[in-house]
């Protein structure tokens, strides 16, 4: 007798932890995109944003992708500490000249990407790089 395993899934807490960890890096790189929109590193940073969370696992016991609100809540964990992200991004890229942006403008951009990403991951389970880059170019102006 053979048991055929068609797919693997993960515990909800493990999926949440991975999304929160990825969300930290996504926020940092969107911050850089907003601070340095004309920099030569824009394509690299867009790639990085996509690569931190290009796909998501199905939840154990349900064998379904997490709901949009679950993903969005995990991604938004760091949204209340944007002042620190701005300071660190400016320090890490000290050779570049940042443009002036408010925390409110940065938050709008970050939340738009998080909303879009949560919607895509909850329905498809993945996001392709070209779609992510197009969305980032659209919202990080």
N, C-alpha and C. Protein backbone atom coordinates (compact mmCIF):
# COMPACT_ATOMS: atom_id res chain seq x y z
N UNK A 1 0.84 -1.18 0.00
CA UNK A 1 0.00 0.00 0.00
C UNK A 1 0.89 1.24 0.00
N UNK A 2 0.54 2.20 -0.84
CA UNK A 2 1.28 3.44 -0.95
C UNK A 2 0.37 4.61 -0.58
N UNK A 3 0.96 5.58 0.05
CA UNK A 3 0.24 6.81 0.36
C UNK A 3 0.81 7.90 -0.54
N UNK A 4 -0.04 8.50 -1.30
CA UNK A 4 0.38 9.55 -2.22
C UNK A 4 0.11 10.90 -1.57
N UNK A 5 1.15 11.69 -1.36
CA UNK A 5 1.01 13.01 -0.78
C UNK A 5 1.00 14.02 -1.91
N UNK A 6 -0.11 14.71 -2.06
CA UNK A 6 -0.26 15.64 -3.16
C UNK A 6 0.29 17.02 -2.86
N UNK A 7 0.20 17.43 -1.62
CA UNK A 7 0.70 18.76 -1.28
C UNK A 7 1.04 18.81 0.20
N UNK A 8 1.85 19.78 0.54
CA UNK A 8 2.23 19.98 1.93
C UNK A 8 1.61 21.29 2.40
N UNK A 9 1.34 21.35 3.68
CA UNK A 9 0.80 22.57 4.25
C UNK A 9 1.50 22.84 5.57
N UNK A 10 1.31 24.04 6.08
CA UNK A 10 2.00 24.44 7.31
C UNK A 10 1.00 24.93 8.35
N UNK A 11 1.44 24.88 9.60
CA UNK A 11 0.61 25.39 10.69
C UNK A 11 0.41 26.90 10.53
N UNK A 12 -0.73 27.38 10.96
CA UNK A 12 -1.08 28.79 10.82
C UNK A 12 -0.05 29.69 11.51
N UNK A 13 0.42 29.30 12.68
CA UNK A 13 1.39 30.13 13.40
C UNK A 13 2.71 30.23 12.65
N UNK A 14 3.11 29.15 12.00
CA UNK A 14 4.35 29.16 11.22
C UNK A 14 4.21 30.06 9.99
N UNK A 15 3.09 29.98 9.32
CA UNK A 15 2.84 30.83 8.16
C UNK A 15 2.83 32.30 8.59
N UNK A 16 2.17 32.60 9.69
CA UNK A 16 2.10 33.97 10.20
C UNK A 16 3.50 34.50 10.50
N UNK A 17 4.31 33.68 11.17
CA UNK A 17 5.67 34.09 11.52
C UNK A 17 6.49 34.41 10.27
N UNK A 18 6.37 33.59 9.24
CA UNK A 18 7.10 33.83 8.00
C UNK A 18 6.65 35.12 7.32
N UNK A 19 5.36 35.38 7.33
CA UNK A 19 4.85 36.60 6.70
C UNK A 19 5.34 37.83 7.46
N UNK A 20 5.31 37.79 8.79
CA UNK A 20 5.78 38.91 9.60
C UNK A 20 7.26 39.19 9.31
N UNK A 21 8.05 38.13 9.25
CA UNK A 21 9.48 38.28 8.97
C UNK A 21 9.71 38.89 7.58
N UNK A 22 8.97 38.43 6.61
CA UNK A 22 9.08 38.97 5.26
C UNK A 22 8.59 40.41 5.21
N UNK A 23 7.54 40.70 5.96
CA UNK A 23 6.96 42.04 5.99
C UNK A 23 7.96 43.10 6.43
N UNK A 24 8.83 42.74 7.36
CA UNK A 24 9.87 43.66 7.83
C UNK A 24 10.77 44.10 6.66
N UNK A 25 11.23 43.16 5.88
CA UNK A 25 12.11 43.47 4.76
C UNK A 25 11.37 44.18 3.63
N UNK A 26 10.11 43.82 3.43
CA UNK A 26 9.30 44.49 2.41
C UNK A 26 9.16 45.97 2.75
N UNK A 27 8.87 46.28 4.01
CA UNK A 27 8.73 47.67 4.44
C UNK A 27 10.04 48.43 4.25
N UNK A 28 11.16 47.80 4.61
CA UNK A 28 12.47 48.46 4.46
C UNK A 28 12.75 48.79 3.00
N UNK A 29 12.50 47.88 2.12
CA UNK A 29 12.82 48.12 0.71
C UNK A 29 11.84 49.07 0.04
N UNK A 30 10.58 49.06 0.43
CA UNK A 30 9.65 50.06 -0.09
C UNK A 30 10.06 51.44 0.41
N UNK A 31 10.54 51.51 1.64
CA UNK A 31 11.04 52.78 2.17
C UNK A 31 12.17 53.32 1.30
N UNK A 32 13.09 52.44 0.91
CA UNK A 32 14.20 52.86 0.05
C UNK A 32 13.68 53.30 -1.32
N UNK A 33 12.69 52.59 -1.84
CA UNK A 33 12.11 52.98 -3.13
C UNK A 33 11.48 54.37 -3.06
N UNK A 34 10.85 54.67 -1.95
CA UNK A 34 10.22 55.98 -1.79
C UNK A 34 11.25 57.09 -1.55
N UNK A 35 12.30 56.79 -0.81
CA UNK A 35 13.32 57.80 -0.52
C UNK A 35 14.22 58.10 -1.71
N UNK A 36 14.50 57.10 -2.53
CA UNK A 36 15.46 57.23 -3.62
C UNK A 36 14.84 56.75 -4.94
N UNK A 37 13.81 57.43 -5.45
CA UNK A 37 13.09 56.94 -6.62
C UNK A 37 13.87 56.98 -7.93
N UNK A 38 14.92 57.78 -8.00
CA UNK A 38 15.69 57.90 -9.24
C UNK A 38 17.04 57.21 -9.16
N UNK A 39 17.23 56.40 -8.16
CA UNK A 39 18.50 55.72 -7.92
C UNK A 39 18.69 54.54 -8.88
N UNK A 40 19.92 54.18 -9.12
CA UNK A 40 20.24 53.05 -9.98
C UNK A 40 19.83 51.71 -9.37
N UNK A 41 19.55 51.70 -8.07
CA UNK A 41 19.20 50.46 -7.37
C UNK A 41 17.70 50.15 -7.37
N UNK A 42 16.89 50.96 -7.99
CA UNK A 42 15.44 50.79 -7.95
C UNK A 42 15.03 49.40 -8.42
N UNK A 43 15.55 48.95 -9.55
CA UNK A 43 15.18 47.63 -10.06
C UNK A 43 15.58 46.54 -9.07
N UNK A 44 16.75 46.67 -8.47
CA UNK A 44 17.22 45.69 -7.48
C UNK A 44 16.29 45.68 -6.26
N UNK A 45 15.91 46.85 -5.76
CA UNK A 45 15.03 46.92 -4.59
C UNK A 45 13.65 46.36 -4.90
N UNK A 46 13.15 46.62 -6.10
CA UNK A 46 11.86 46.05 -6.50
C UNK A 46 11.95 44.52 -6.53
N UNK A 47 13.04 44.02 -7.06
CA UNK A 47 13.25 42.56 -7.07
C UNK A 47 13.27 42.02 -5.64
N UNK A 48 13.96 42.71 -4.75
CA UNK A 48 14.04 42.29 -3.36
C UNK A 48 12.66 42.26 -2.71
N UNK A 49 11.86 43.29 -2.92
CA UNK A 49 10.51 43.32 -2.35
C UNK A 49 9.74 42.08 -2.78
N UNK A 50 9.79 41.77 -4.06
CA UNK A 50 9.10 40.59 -4.57
C UNK A 50 9.68 39.31 -3.97
N UNK A 51 10.99 39.20 -3.88
CA UNK A 51 11.63 37.95 -3.47
C UNK A 51 11.42 37.59 -2.01
N UNK A 52 11.05 38.55 -1.17
CA UNK A 52 10.83 38.24 0.24
C UNK A 52 9.55 37.43 0.47
N UNK A 53 8.57 37.56 -0.41
CA UNK A 53 7.32 36.80 -0.26
C UNK A 53 6.66 36.55 -1.62
N UNK A 54 7.29 35.72 -2.46
CA UNK A 54 6.71 35.46 -3.78
C UNK A 54 5.60 34.41 -3.77
N UNK A 55 5.53 33.61 -2.70
CA UNK A 55 4.51 32.56 -2.62
C UNK A 55 4.20 32.29 -1.14
N UNK A 56 3.11 31.60 -0.93
CA UNK A 56 2.67 31.32 0.44
C UNK A 56 2.20 29.87 0.52
N UNK A 57 2.38 29.25 1.67
CA UNK A 57 1.95 27.87 1.88
C UNK A 57 0.47 27.81 2.23
N UNK A 58 -0.14 26.68 1.92
CA UNK A 58 -1.51 26.44 2.35
C UNK A 58 -1.49 26.11 3.84
N UNK A 59 -2.61 26.35 4.48
CA UNK A 59 -2.71 26.10 5.92
C UNK A 59 -3.03 24.64 6.21
N UNK A 60 -2.35 24.13 7.19
CA UNK A 60 -2.53 22.75 7.61
C UNK A 60 -3.96 22.55 8.13
N UNK A 61 -4.55 21.43 7.80
CA UNK A 61 -5.90 21.11 8.26
C UNK A 61 -6.99 21.62 7.34
N UNK A 62 -6.71 22.68 6.61
CA UNK A 62 -7.71 23.24 5.69
C UNK A 62 -7.29 23.08 4.24
N UNK A 63 -5.98 22.97 4.05
CA UNK A 63 -5.40 22.87 2.71
C UNK A 63 -5.87 24.00 1.80
N UNK A 64 -5.96 25.20 2.38
CA UNK A 64 -6.32 26.40 1.64
C UNK A 64 -5.31 27.48 1.95
N UNK A 65 -5.21 28.45 1.06
CA UNK A 65 -4.34 29.59 1.31
C UNK A 65 -4.95 30.44 2.42
N UNK A 66 -4.11 31.12 3.20
CA UNK A 66 -4.64 31.99 4.25
C UNK A 66 -5.53 33.08 3.64
N UNK A 67 -6.45 33.56 4.44
CA UNK A 67 -7.34 34.63 3.99
C UNK A 67 -6.57 35.95 3.86
N UNK A 68 -7.11 36.81 3.03
CA UNK A 68 -6.50 38.11 2.76
C UNK A 68 -6.25 38.90 4.04
N UNK A 69 -7.21 38.96 4.94
CA UNK A 69 -7.06 39.73 6.18
C UNK A 69 -5.95 39.16 7.06
N UNK A 70 -5.81 37.85 7.09
CA UNK A 70 -4.74 37.20 7.86
C UNK A 70 -3.38 37.63 7.34
N UNK A 71 -3.21 37.58 6.02
CA UNK A 71 -1.94 37.96 5.39
C UNK A 71 -1.67 39.44 5.60
N UNK A 72 -2.69 40.25 5.40
CA UNK A 72 -2.54 41.70 5.54
C UNK A 72 -2.16 42.09 6.97
N UNK A 73 -2.78 41.46 7.95
CA UNK A 73 -2.46 41.75 9.35
C UNK A 73 -1.01 41.41 9.65
N UNK A 74 -0.54 40.27 9.16
CA UNK A 74 0.85 39.87 9.39
C UNK A 74 1.81 40.82 8.69
N UNK A 75 1.51 41.21 7.47
CA UNK A 75 2.37 42.14 6.73
C UNK A 75 2.45 43.50 7.39
N UNK A 76 1.36 43.93 8.02
CA UNK A 76 1.27 45.27 8.60
C UNK A 76 1.85 45.37 10.01
N UNK A 77 2.45 44.32 10.52
CA UNK A 77 2.98 44.31 11.88
C UNK A 77 3.93 45.48 12.14
N UNK A 78 4.73 45.86 11.17
CA UNK A 78 5.76 46.88 11.35
C UNK A 78 5.33 48.27 10.88
N UNK A 79 4.09 48.43 10.48
CA UNK A 79 3.64 49.71 9.91
C UNK A 79 3.62 50.86 10.92
N UNK A 80 3.70 50.56 12.19
CA UNK A 80 3.65 51.63 13.19
C UNK A 80 5.04 52.13 13.60
N UNK A 81 6.08 51.64 12.95
CA UNK A 81 7.45 52.05 13.30
C UNK A 81 8.19 52.61 12.10
N UNK A 82 7.50 53.35 11.25
CA UNK A 82 8.09 53.84 10.01
C UNK A 82 9.20 54.86 10.23
N UNK A 83 9.17 55.59 11.31
CA UNK A 83 10.24 56.55 11.61
C UNK A 83 11.59 55.84 11.65
N UNK A 84 11.62 54.68 12.27
CA UNK A 84 12.85 53.90 12.35
C UNK A 84 13.31 53.39 10.99
N UNK A 85 12.36 52.97 10.17
CA UNK A 85 12.71 52.50 8.82
C UNK A 85 13.31 53.63 7.99
N UNK A 86 12.73 54.82 8.11
CA UNK A 86 13.25 55.97 7.38
C UNK A 86 14.69 56.28 7.82
N UNK A 87 14.92 56.29 9.12
CA UNK A 87 16.26 56.59 9.64
C UNK A 87 17.28 55.54 9.22
N UNK A 88 16.91 54.29 9.30
CA UNK A 88 17.84 53.21 8.93
C UNK A 88 18.13 53.22 7.43
N UNK A 89 17.09 53.42 6.61
CA UNK A 89 17.28 53.46 5.16
C UNK A 89 18.22 54.60 4.77
N UNK A 90 18.04 55.77 5.37
CA UNK A 90 18.92 56.90 5.07
C UNK A 90 20.35 56.60 5.51
N UNK A 91 20.51 55.94 6.63
CA UNK A 91 21.84 55.59 7.13
C UNK A 91 22.50 54.53 6.25
N UNK A 92 21.75 53.50 5.84
CA UNK A 92 22.31 52.44 5.00
C UNK A 92 22.71 52.97 3.62
N UNK A 93 22.00 53.95 3.13
CA UNK A 93 22.27 54.51 1.80
C UNK A 93 22.79 55.94 1.94
N UNK A 94 23.74 56.13 2.82
CA UNK A 94 24.25 57.47 3.15
C UNK A 94 24.87 58.20 1.95
N UNK A 95 25.32 57.46 0.95
CA UNK A 95 25.92 58.09 -0.23
C UNK A 95 24.88 58.64 -1.19
N UNK A 96 23.62 58.27 -0.99
CA UNK A 96 22.54 58.74 -1.85
C UNK A 96 21.82 59.92 -1.20
N UNK A 97 21.22 60.75 -2.02
CA UNK A 97 20.47 61.90 -1.52
C UNK A 97 18.99 61.55 -1.48
N UNK A 98 18.41 61.49 -0.27
CA UNK A 98 16.99 61.12 -0.17
C UNK A 98 16.08 62.29 -0.50
N UNK A 99 14.92 61.99 -1.02
CA UNK A 99 13.91 63.03 -1.17
C UNK A 99 13.12 63.09 0.13
N UNK A 100 12.47 64.19 0.34
CA UNK A 100 11.67 64.35 1.55
C UNK A 100 10.31 63.68 1.36
N UNK A 101 10.00 62.76 2.24
CA UNK A 101 8.68 62.13 2.24
C UNK A 101 8.19 62.07 3.67
N UNK A 102 6.91 62.16 3.83
CA UNK A 102 6.33 62.07 5.17
C UNK A 102 6.05 60.61 5.51
N UNK A 103 5.92 60.34 6.79
CA UNK A 103 5.56 58.99 7.22
C UNK A 103 4.19 58.62 6.66
N UNK A 104 3.29 59.59 6.57
CA UNK A 104 1.94 59.34 6.06
C UNK A 104 1.98 58.91 4.59
N UNK A 105 2.81 59.58 3.77
CA UNK A 105 2.93 59.20 2.36
C UNK A 105 3.56 57.83 2.21
N UNK A 106 4.56 57.55 3.04
CA UNK A 106 5.20 56.23 3.02
C UNK A 106 4.20 55.16 3.41
N UNK A 107 3.41 55.42 4.43
CA UNK A 107 2.42 54.45 4.89
C UNK A 107 1.40 54.14 3.80
N UNK A 108 0.97 55.15 3.07
CA UNK A 108 0.00 54.93 1.98
C UNK A 108 0.58 53.97 0.95
N UNK A 109 1.82 54.18 0.56
CA UNK A 109 2.47 53.32 -0.43
C UNK A 109 2.61 51.88 0.10
N UNK A 110 3.07 51.76 1.33
CA UNK A 110 3.26 50.44 1.93
C UNK A 110 1.93 49.70 2.04
N UNK A 111 0.89 50.38 2.50
CA UNK A 111 -0.42 49.74 2.65
C UNK A 111 -1.02 49.33 1.31
N UNK A 112 -0.79 50.11 0.27
CA UNK A 112 -1.29 49.74 -1.05
C UNK A 112 -0.62 48.45 -1.53
N UNK A 113 0.67 48.35 -1.33
CA UNK A 113 1.36 47.13 -1.75
C UNK A 113 0.91 45.94 -0.90
N UNK A 114 0.79 46.14 0.40
CA UNK A 114 0.35 45.06 1.28
C UNK A 114 -1.05 44.58 0.92
N UNK A 115 -1.93 45.49 0.62
CA UNK A 115 -3.30 45.15 0.21
C UNK A 115 -3.28 44.30 -1.06
N UNK A 116 -2.52 44.77 -2.05
CA UNK A 116 -2.43 44.06 -3.33
C UNK A 116 -1.81 42.68 -3.13
N UNK A 117 -0.70 42.61 -2.39
CA UNK A 117 0.00 41.35 -2.17
C UNK A 117 -0.88 40.36 -1.41
N UNK A 118 -1.56 40.81 -0.37
CA UNK A 118 -2.43 39.93 0.41
C UNK A 118 -3.55 39.36 -0.46
N UNK A 119 -4.10 40.18 -1.33
CA UNK A 119 -5.16 39.73 -2.23
C UNK A 119 -4.65 38.66 -3.19
N UNK A 120 -3.50 38.91 -3.80
CA UNK A 120 -2.93 37.94 -4.75
C UNK A 120 -2.57 36.62 -4.07
N UNK A 121 -1.91 36.70 -2.93
CA UNK A 121 -1.47 35.48 -2.24
C UNK A 121 -2.65 34.67 -1.72
N UNK A 122 -3.69 35.33 -1.27
CA UNK A 122 -4.84 34.61 -0.72
C UNK A 122 -5.63 33.86 -1.80
N UNK A 123 -5.56 34.34 -3.02
CA UNK A 123 -6.30 33.68 -4.10
C UNK A 123 -5.43 32.75 -4.94
N UNK A 124 -4.22 33.20 -5.30
CA UNK A 124 -3.37 32.42 -6.19
C UNK A 124 -2.27 31.64 -5.46
N UNK A 125 -1.83 32.16 -4.33
CA UNK A 125 -0.74 31.51 -3.60
C UNK A 125 0.65 31.96 -4.04
N UNK A 126 0.72 32.78 -5.07
CA UNK A 126 2.01 33.26 -5.58
C UNK A 126 1.82 34.60 -6.29
N UNK A 127 2.96 35.28 -6.50
CA UNK A 127 3.00 36.52 -7.27
C UNK A 127 4.22 36.43 -8.17
N UNK A 128 4.06 36.76 -9.43
CA UNK A 128 5.22 36.74 -10.33
C UNK A 128 5.94 38.08 -10.24
N UNK A 129 7.23 38.03 -10.51
CA UNK A 129 8.09 39.20 -10.35
C UNK A 129 7.63 40.40 -11.17
N UNK A 130 7.25 40.18 -12.41
CA UNK A 130 6.87 41.30 -13.27
C UNK A 130 5.63 42.03 -12.74
N UNK A 131 4.66 41.29 -12.18
CA UNK A 131 3.48 41.93 -11.60
C UNK A 131 3.85 42.77 -10.38
N UNK A 132 4.73 42.23 -9.55
CA UNK A 132 5.15 42.95 -8.34
C UNK A 132 5.89 44.23 -8.72
N UNK A 133 6.79 44.14 -9.69
CA UNK A 133 7.54 45.33 -10.11
C UNK A 133 6.61 46.38 -10.72
N UNK A 134 5.64 45.94 -11.51
CA UNK A 134 4.69 46.88 -12.09
C UNK A 134 3.88 47.58 -11.00
N UNK A 135 3.44 46.81 -10.01
CA UNK A 135 2.66 47.40 -8.92
C UNK A 135 3.51 48.38 -8.13
N UNK A 136 4.76 48.04 -7.83
CA UNK A 136 5.65 48.93 -7.10
C UNK A 136 5.94 50.21 -7.88
N UNK A 137 6.12 50.09 -9.19
CA UNK A 137 6.35 51.28 -10.02
C UNK A 137 5.13 52.20 -10.02
N UNK A 138 3.96 51.59 -9.98
CA UNK A 138 2.70 52.34 -9.98
C UNK A 138 2.49 53.11 -8.66
N UNK A 139 2.80 52.48 -7.54
CA UNK A 139 2.47 53.10 -6.25
C UNK A 139 3.61 53.88 -5.61
N UNK A 140 4.83 53.59 -5.98
CA UNK A 140 5.99 54.27 -5.34
C UNK A 140 6.51 55.38 -6.23
N UNK A 141 5.73 56.40 -6.41
CA UNK A 141 6.11 57.52 -7.28
C UNK A 141 6.60 58.68 -6.45
